[in-house]
């Protein structure tokens, strides 16, 4: 008879599930709000700041790719999530010149940090 592993047997499993839930929510919110805005951007006339807005979409796509990669390669996906969240936060800071926008880093990087914690604990086992 096969013994099932419980969260009590492997507490690091909690980090993985929490990271996937949080990452799914953040990526879903990005997709929900960004896809219609991107379609509207493409349908309008070109603006002076089109390249600046395109950079934000590319960083958001990198965040989404990091989340997808984390299903197969947890360490690489977590690292990509943290790096893209740092870049998104820097973009928002440069765009708004407000120190309060740096708080955006906390929820964006949380799932990547949890993936990296899980990956590190898995390496130590």
N, C-alpha and C. Protein backbone atom coordinates (compact mmCIF):
# COMPACT_ATOMS: atom_id res chain seq x y z
N UNK A 1 0.84 -1.18 0.00
CA UNK A 1 0.00 0.00 0.00
C UNK A 1 0.89 1.25 0.00
N UNK A 2 0.54 2.19 -0.82
CA UNK A 2 1.33 3.42 -0.97
C UNK A 2 0.94 4.43 0.10
N UNK A 3 1.94 4.99 0.72
CA UNK A 3 1.70 5.99 1.77
C UNK A 3 1.63 7.37 1.13
N UNK A 4 0.57 8.10 1.40
CA UNK A 4 0.42 9.44 0.87
C UNK A 4 1.22 10.42 1.72
N UNK A 5 1.80 11.40 1.06
CA UNK A 5 2.53 12.42 1.80
C UNK A 5 1.58 13.54 2.16
N UNK A 6 1.65 13.95 3.39
CA UNK A 6 0.81 15.03 3.88
C UNK A 6 1.65 16.28 4.05
N UNK A 7 0.97 17.41 4.27
CA UNK A 7 1.70 18.64 4.49
C UNK A 7 2.53 18.57 5.76
N UNK A 8 2.12 17.75 6.72
CA UNK A 8 2.89 17.61 7.94
C UNK A 8 4.20 16.88 7.67
N UNK A 9 4.20 15.99 6.67
CA UNK A 9 5.41 15.25 6.33
C UNK A 9 6.42 16.13 5.60
N UNK A 10 5.92 17.00 4.75
CA UNK A 10 6.78 17.89 3.97
C UNK A 10 6.23 19.31 4.08
N UNK A 11 6.61 20.04 5.12
CA UNK A 11 6.07 21.39 5.29
C UNK A 11 6.43 22.35 4.18
N UNK A 12 7.50 22.06 3.44
CA UNK A 12 7.87 22.96 2.34
C UNK A 12 6.86 22.91 1.21
N UNK A 13 6.03 21.89 1.16
CA UNK A 13 4.97 21.77 0.16
C UNK A 13 3.99 22.93 0.29
N UNK A 14 3.82 23.44 1.50
CA UNK A 14 2.94 24.59 1.73
C UNK A 14 3.42 25.81 0.95
N UNK A 15 4.74 26.02 0.91
CA UNK A 15 5.30 27.15 0.17
C UNK A 15 4.96 27.05 -1.32
N UNK A 16 5.04 25.85 -1.85
CA UNK A 16 4.75 25.65 -3.26
C UNK A 16 3.29 25.94 -3.58
N UNK A 17 2.40 25.43 -2.78
CA UNK A 17 0.97 25.65 -3.04
C UNK A 17 0.60 27.11 -2.84
N UNK A 18 1.11 27.74 -1.79
CA UNK A 18 0.82 29.16 -1.55
C UNK A 18 1.38 30.01 -2.68
N UNK A 19 2.57 29.69 -3.16
CA UNK A 19 3.17 30.46 -4.25
C UNK A 19 2.37 30.30 -5.53
N UNK A 20 1.88 29.11 -5.80
CA UNK A 20 1.09 28.91 -7.01
C UNK A 20 -0.25 29.64 -6.93
N UNK A 21 -0.87 29.64 -5.78
CA UNK A 21 -2.15 30.35 -5.64
C UNK A 21 -1.94 31.86 -5.80
N UNK A 22 -0.96 32.41 -5.11
CA UNK A 22 -0.69 33.85 -5.19
C UNK A 22 -0.24 34.23 -6.60
N UNK A 23 0.63 33.43 -7.20
CA UNK A 23 1.08 33.71 -8.56
C UNK A 23 -0.05 33.64 -9.57
N UNK A 24 -0.95 32.68 -9.39
CA UNK A 24 -2.10 32.57 -10.28
C UNK A 24 -3.00 33.80 -10.16
N UNK A 25 -3.23 34.26 -8.95
CA UNK A 25 -4.06 35.45 -8.76
C UNK A 25 -3.43 36.70 -9.38
N UNK A 26 -2.16 36.90 -9.15
CA UNK A 26 -1.49 38.09 -9.69
C UNK A 26 -1.42 38.03 -11.22
N UNK A 27 -1.09 36.86 -11.77
CA UNK A 27 -1.03 36.72 -13.22
C UNK A 27 -2.42 36.88 -13.83
N UNK A 28 -3.43 36.36 -13.17
CA UNK A 28 -4.80 36.53 -13.65
C UNK A 28 -5.24 37.98 -13.65
N UNK A 29 -4.86 38.72 -12.62
CA UNK A 29 -5.20 40.15 -12.57
C UNK A 29 -4.47 40.91 -13.67
N UNK A 30 -3.20 40.55 -13.90
CA UNK A 30 -2.47 41.18 -15.01
C UNK A 30 -3.20 40.94 -16.32
N UNK A 31 -3.58 39.70 -16.58
CA UNK A 31 -4.24 39.38 -17.84
C UNK A 31 -5.60 40.06 -17.95
N UNK A 32 -6.32 40.11 -16.86
CA UNK A 32 -7.66 40.70 -16.87
C UNK A 32 -7.62 42.18 -17.23
N UNK A 33 -6.64 42.90 -16.71
CA UNK A 33 -6.58 44.33 -16.95
C UNK A 33 -5.69 44.73 -18.12
N UNK A 34 -4.69 43.92 -18.45
CA UNK A 34 -3.72 44.33 -19.45
C UNK A 34 -4.13 43.99 -20.87
N UNK A 35 -4.79 42.88 -21.08
CA UNK A 35 -5.15 42.50 -22.44
C UNK A 35 -6.08 43.52 -23.09
N UNK A 36 -7.16 43.97 -22.44
CA UNK A 36 -7.99 45.01 -23.09
C UNK A 36 -7.24 46.33 -23.31
N UNK A 37 -6.38 46.69 -22.36
CA UNK A 37 -5.60 47.92 -22.52
C UNK A 37 -4.61 47.80 -23.68
N UNK A 38 -4.02 46.63 -23.84
CA UNK A 38 -3.08 46.43 -24.93
C UNK A 38 -3.79 46.47 -26.28
N UNK A 39 -5.00 45.91 -26.35
CA UNK A 39 -5.78 45.96 -27.58
C UNK A 39 -6.16 47.40 -27.91
N UNK A 40 -6.54 48.16 -26.89
CA UNK A 40 -6.87 49.58 -27.11
C UNK A 40 -5.63 50.36 -27.54
N UNK A 41 -4.48 50.02 -27.00
CA UNK A 41 -3.24 50.70 -27.38
C UNK A 41 -2.91 50.44 -28.85
N UNK A 42 -3.11 49.20 -29.29
CA UNK A 42 -2.80 48.87 -30.68
C UNK A 42 -3.79 49.50 -31.66
N UNK A 43 -5.04 49.69 -31.23
CA UNK A 43 -6.04 50.24 -32.13
C UNK A 43 -5.98 51.76 -32.24
N UNK A 44 -5.39 52.44 -31.26
CA UNK A 44 -5.29 53.91 -31.29
C UNK A 44 -4.12 54.35 -32.14
N UNK A 45 -4.08 55.64 -32.35
CA UNK A 45 -2.95 56.25 -33.06
C UNK A 45 -1.68 56.10 -32.22
N UNK A 46 -0.55 56.18 -32.85
CA UNK A 46 0.71 56.06 -32.11
C UNK A 46 0.92 57.30 -31.25
N UNK A 47 1.47 57.07 -30.10
CA UNK A 47 1.73 58.16 -29.15
C UNK A 47 3.23 58.24 -28.90
N UNK A 48 3.64 59.30 -28.23
CA UNK A 48 5.05 59.47 -27.93
C UNK A 48 5.56 58.45 -26.91
N UNK A 49 4.69 58.04 -26.02
CA UNK A 49 5.12 57.13 -24.95
C UNK A 49 4.77 55.68 -25.24
N UNK A 50 4.57 55.33 -26.49
CA UNK A 50 4.19 53.97 -26.84
C UNK A 50 5.27 52.96 -26.46
N UNK A 51 6.52 53.30 -26.66
CA UNK A 51 7.61 52.41 -26.29
C UNK A 51 7.70 52.19 -24.79
N UNK A 52 7.41 53.23 -24.02
CA UNK A 52 7.42 53.14 -22.57
C UNK A 52 6.33 52.21 -22.08
N UNK A 53 5.14 52.30 -22.71
CA UNK A 53 4.03 51.41 -22.34
C UNK A 53 4.33 49.98 -22.78
N UNK A 54 4.94 49.83 -23.95
CA UNK A 54 5.29 48.51 -24.44
C UNK A 54 6.28 47.82 -23.49
N UNK A 55 7.18 48.58 -22.91
CA UNK A 55 8.12 48.03 -21.94
C UNK A 55 7.37 47.42 -20.74
N UNK A 56 6.34 48.11 -20.28
CA UNK A 56 5.55 47.59 -19.16
C UNK A 56 4.87 46.28 -19.54
N UNK A 57 4.34 46.20 -20.77
CA UNK A 57 3.71 44.96 -21.21
C UNK A 57 4.74 43.83 -21.33
N UNK A 58 5.92 44.14 -21.79
CA UNK A 58 6.96 43.12 -21.88
C UNK A 58 7.37 42.61 -20.50
N UNK A 59 7.46 43.52 -19.54
CA UNK A 59 7.78 43.09 -18.17
C UNK A 59 6.66 42.24 -17.59
N UNK A 60 5.43 42.59 -17.90
CA UNK A 60 4.29 41.79 -17.43
C UNK A 60 4.28 40.41 -18.07
N UNK A 61 4.66 40.34 -19.35
CA UNK A 61 4.75 39.04 -20.02
C UNK A 61 5.88 38.21 -19.40
N UNK A 62 6.98 38.85 -19.06
CA UNK A 62 8.08 38.15 -18.39
C UNK A 62 7.62 37.60 -17.04
N UNK A 63 6.79 38.36 -16.33
CA UNK A 63 6.25 37.89 -15.05
C UNK A 63 5.38 36.66 -15.27
N UNK A 64 4.50 36.73 -16.28
CA UNK A 64 3.64 35.59 -16.59
C UNK A 64 4.43 34.37 -17.03
N UNK A 65 5.48 34.59 -17.83
CA UNK A 65 6.33 33.47 -18.25
C UNK A 65 7.06 32.85 -17.07
N UNK A 66 7.50 33.69 -16.14
CA UNK A 66 8.13 33.17 -14.93
C UNK A 66 7.19 32.30 -14.13
N UNK A 67 5.93 32.71 -14.08
CA UNK A 67 4.94 31.90 -13.36
C UNK A 67 4.73 30.57 -14.08
N UNK A 68 4.64 30.58 -15.40
CA UNK A 68 4.46 29.32 -16.14
C UNK A 68 5.68 28.42 -16.02
N UNK A 69 6.87 28.98 -16.08
CA UNK A 69 8.09 28.19 -15.96
C UNK A 69 8.20 27.56 -14.58
N UNK A 70 7.64 28.22 -13.57
CA UNK A 70 7.75 27.70 -12.20
C UNK A 70 7.01 26.38 -12.01
N UNK A 71 6.14 26.00 -12.93
CA UNK A 71 5.49 24.70 -12.81
C UNK A 71 6.43 23.56 -13.16
N UNK A 72 7.45 23.83 -13.98
CA UNK A 72 8.41 22.80 -14.35
C UNK A 72 9.76 23.00 -13.66
N UNK A 73 10.23 24.21 -13.65
CA UNK A 73 11.52 24.54 -13.03
C UNK A 73 11.25 25.59 -11.95
N UNK A 74 11.10 25.14 -10.73
CA UNK A 74 10.68 26.02 -9.64
C UNK A 74 11.71 27.11 -9.38
N UNK A 75 12.96 26.77 -9.34
CA UNK A 75 14.00 27.76 -9.05
C UNK A 75 14.12 28.83 -10.12
N UNK A 76 14.13 28.41 -11.38
CA UNK A 76 14.23 29.35 -12.49
C UNK A 76 12.98 30.24 -12.58
N UNK A 77 11.82 29.64 -12.41
CA UNK A 77 10.58 30.42 -12.44
C UNK A 77 10.50 31.42 -11.31
N UNK A 78 10.91 31.01 -10.11
CA UNK A 78 10.91 31.92 -8.97
C UNK A 78 11.88 33.07 -9.16
N UNK A 79 13.05 32.76 -9.72
CA UNK A 79 14.03 33.81 -9.98
C UNK A 79 13.52 34.80 -11.03
N UNK A 80 12.87 34.29 -12.08
CA UNK A 80 12.31 35.16 -13.10
C UNK A 80 11.17 36.02 -12.53
N UNK A 81 10.39 35.45 -11.63
CA UNK A 81 9.32 36.23 -10.98
C UNK A 81 9.90 37.37 -10.14
N UNK A 82 10.93 37.08 -9.38
CA UNK A 82 11.53 38.12 -8.52
C UNK A 82 12.19 39.21 -9.38
N UNK A 83 12.93 38.80 -10.40
CA UNK A 83 13.59 39.79 -11.25
C UNK A 83 12.57 40.65 -11.99
N UNK A 84 11.53 40.04 -12.55
CA UNK A 84 10.53 40.83 -13.26
C UNK A 84 9.74 41.72 -12.31
N UNK A 85 9.51 41.27 -11.08
CA UNK A 85 8.81 42.14 -10.13
C UNK A 85 9.67 43.33 -9.72
N UNK A 86 10.99 43.12 -9.62
CA UNK A 86 11.89 44.25 -9.35
C UNK A 86 11.83 45.25 -10.50
N UNK A 87 11.87 44.75 -11.73
CA UNK A 87 11.84 45.64 -12.89
C UNK A 87 10.50 46.35 -13.04
N UNK A 88 9.39 45.68 -12.75
CA UNK A 88 8.08 46.32 -12.80
C UNK A 88 7.99 47.41 -11.74
N UNK A 89 8.53 47.15 -10.56
CA UNK A 89 8.51 48.15 -9.50
C UNK A 89 9.38 49.35 -9.87
N UNK A 90 10.55 49.10 -10.43
CA UNK A 90 11.40 50.21 -10.88
C UNK A 90 10.72 51.02 -11.98
N UNK A 91 10.06 50.33 -12.89
CA UNK A 91 9.31 51.01 -13.95
C UNK A 91 8.24 51.91 -13.35
N UNK A 92 7.49 51.38 -12.40
CA UNK A 92 6.42 52.17 -11.77
C UNK A 92 6.99 53.34 -10.98
N UNK A 93 8.14 53.14 -10.34
CA UNK A 93 8.76 54.23 -9.59
C UNK A 93 9.24 55.34 -10.53
N UNK A 94 9.88 54.96 -11.61
CA UNK A 94 10.37 55.96 -12.56
C UNK A 94 9.19 56.70 -13.22
N UNK A 95 8.13 55.97 -13.50
CA UNK A 95 6.97 56.57 -14.16
C UNK A 95 6.22 57.54 -13.25
N UNK A 96 6.13 57.20 -11.95
CA UNK A 96 5.31 58.03 -11.05
C UNK A 96 6.12 58.95 -10.15
N UNK A 97 7.41 58.68 -9.96
CA UNK A 97 8.26 59.45 -9.04
C UNK A 97 7.68 59.50 -7.63
N UNK A 98 7.10 58.42 -7.20
CA UNK A 98 6.52 58.33 -5.86
C UNK A 98 7.16 57.15 -5.13
N UNK A 99 7.57 57.40 -3.89
CA UNK A 99 8.17 56.33 -3.08
C UNK A 99 7.14 55.30 -2.66
N UNK A 100 5.87 55.69 -2.61
CA UNK A 100 4.82 54.76 -2.18
C UNK A 100 4.64 53.61 -3.16
N UNK A 101 4.99 53.82 -4.41
CA UNK A 101 4.83 52.77 -5.41
C UNK A 101 5.81 51.62 -5.18
N UNK A 102 6.85 51.85 -4.39
CA UNK A 102 7.78 50.76 -4.08
C UNK A 102 7.12 49.66 -3.25
N UNK A 103 5.99 49.96 -2.64
CA UNK A 103 5.24 48.92 -1.93
C UNK A 103 4.63 47.91 -2.88
N UNK A 104 4.60 48.23 -4.16
CA UNK A 104 4.12 47.30 -5.18
C UNK A 104 5.00 46.06 -5.25
N UNK A 105 6.26 46.21 -4.87
CA UNK A 105 7.20 45.09 -4.92
C UNK A 105 6.79 43.95 -4.00
N UNK A 106 6.18 44.27 -2.87
CA UNK A 106 5.85 43.23 -1.88
C UNK A 106 4.89 42.19 -2.45
N UNK A 107 3.71 42.56 -2.97
CA UNK A 107 2.83 41.50 -3.48
C UNK A 107 3.34 40.87 -4.77
N UNK A 108 4.03 41.62 -5.60
CA UNK A 108 4.51 41.06 -6.85
C UNK A 108 5.60 40.02 -6.63
N UNK A 109 6.48 40.26 -5.70
CA UNK A 109 7.60 39.34 -5.49
C UNK A 109 7.28 38.22 -4.51
N UNK A 110 6.15 38.28 -3.84
CA UNK A 110 5.84 37.30 -2.79
C UNK A 110 5.81 35.88 -3.34
N UNK A 111 5.15 35.67 -4.47
CA UNK A 111 5.08 34.30 -5.00
C UNK A 111 6.45 33.82 -5.47
N UNK A 112 7.26 34.69 -6.06
CA UNK A 112 8.60 34.30 -6.48
C UNK A 112 9.48 33.94 -5.30
N UNK A 113 9.36 34.71 -4.22
CA UNK A 113 10.13 34.41 -3.01
C UNK A 113 9.70 33.07 -2.42
N UNK A 114 8.40 32.80 -2.42
CA UNK A 114 7.93 31.50 -1.91
C UNK A 114 8.42 30.35 -2.79
N UNK A 115 8.44 30.54 -4.10
CA UNK A 115 8.99 29.51 -4.99
C UNK A 115 10.47 29.27 -4.69
N UNK A 116 11.22 30.34 -4.45
CA UNK A 116 12.64 30.18 -4.16
C UNK A 116 12.87 29.51 -2.80
N UNK A 117 12.02 29.82 -1.82
CA UNK A 117 12.12 29.15 -0.51
C UNK A 117 11.86 27.66 -0.67
N UNK A 118 10.80 27.32 -1.42
CA UNK A 118 10.49 25.90 -1.66
C UNK A 118 11.64 25.21 -2.37
N UNK A 119 12.19 25.87 -3.38
CA UNK A 119 13.29 25.28 -4.14
C UNK A 119 14.50 25.04 -3.26
N UNK A 120 14.81 26.01 -2.40
CA UNK A 120 15.97 25.88 -1.50
C UNK A 120 15.75 24.75 -0.49
N UNK A 121 14.54 24.66 0.07
CA UNK A 121 14.27 23.60 1.03
C UNK A 121 14.30 22.24 0.36
N UNK A 122 13.85 22.17 -0.88
CA UNK A 122 13.88 20.91 -1.62
C UNK A 122 15.31 20.49 -1.92
N UNK A 123 16.19 21.48 -2.19
CA UNK A 123 17.60 21.18 -2.43
C UNK A 123 18.28 20.66 -1.17
N UNK A 124 17.85 21.13 -0.01
CA UNK A 124 18.47 20.72 1.26
C UNK A 124 18.02 19.34 1.70
N UNK A 125 16.88 18.85 1.21
CA UNK A 125 16.39 17.53 1.62
C UNK A 125 17.17 16.43 1.01
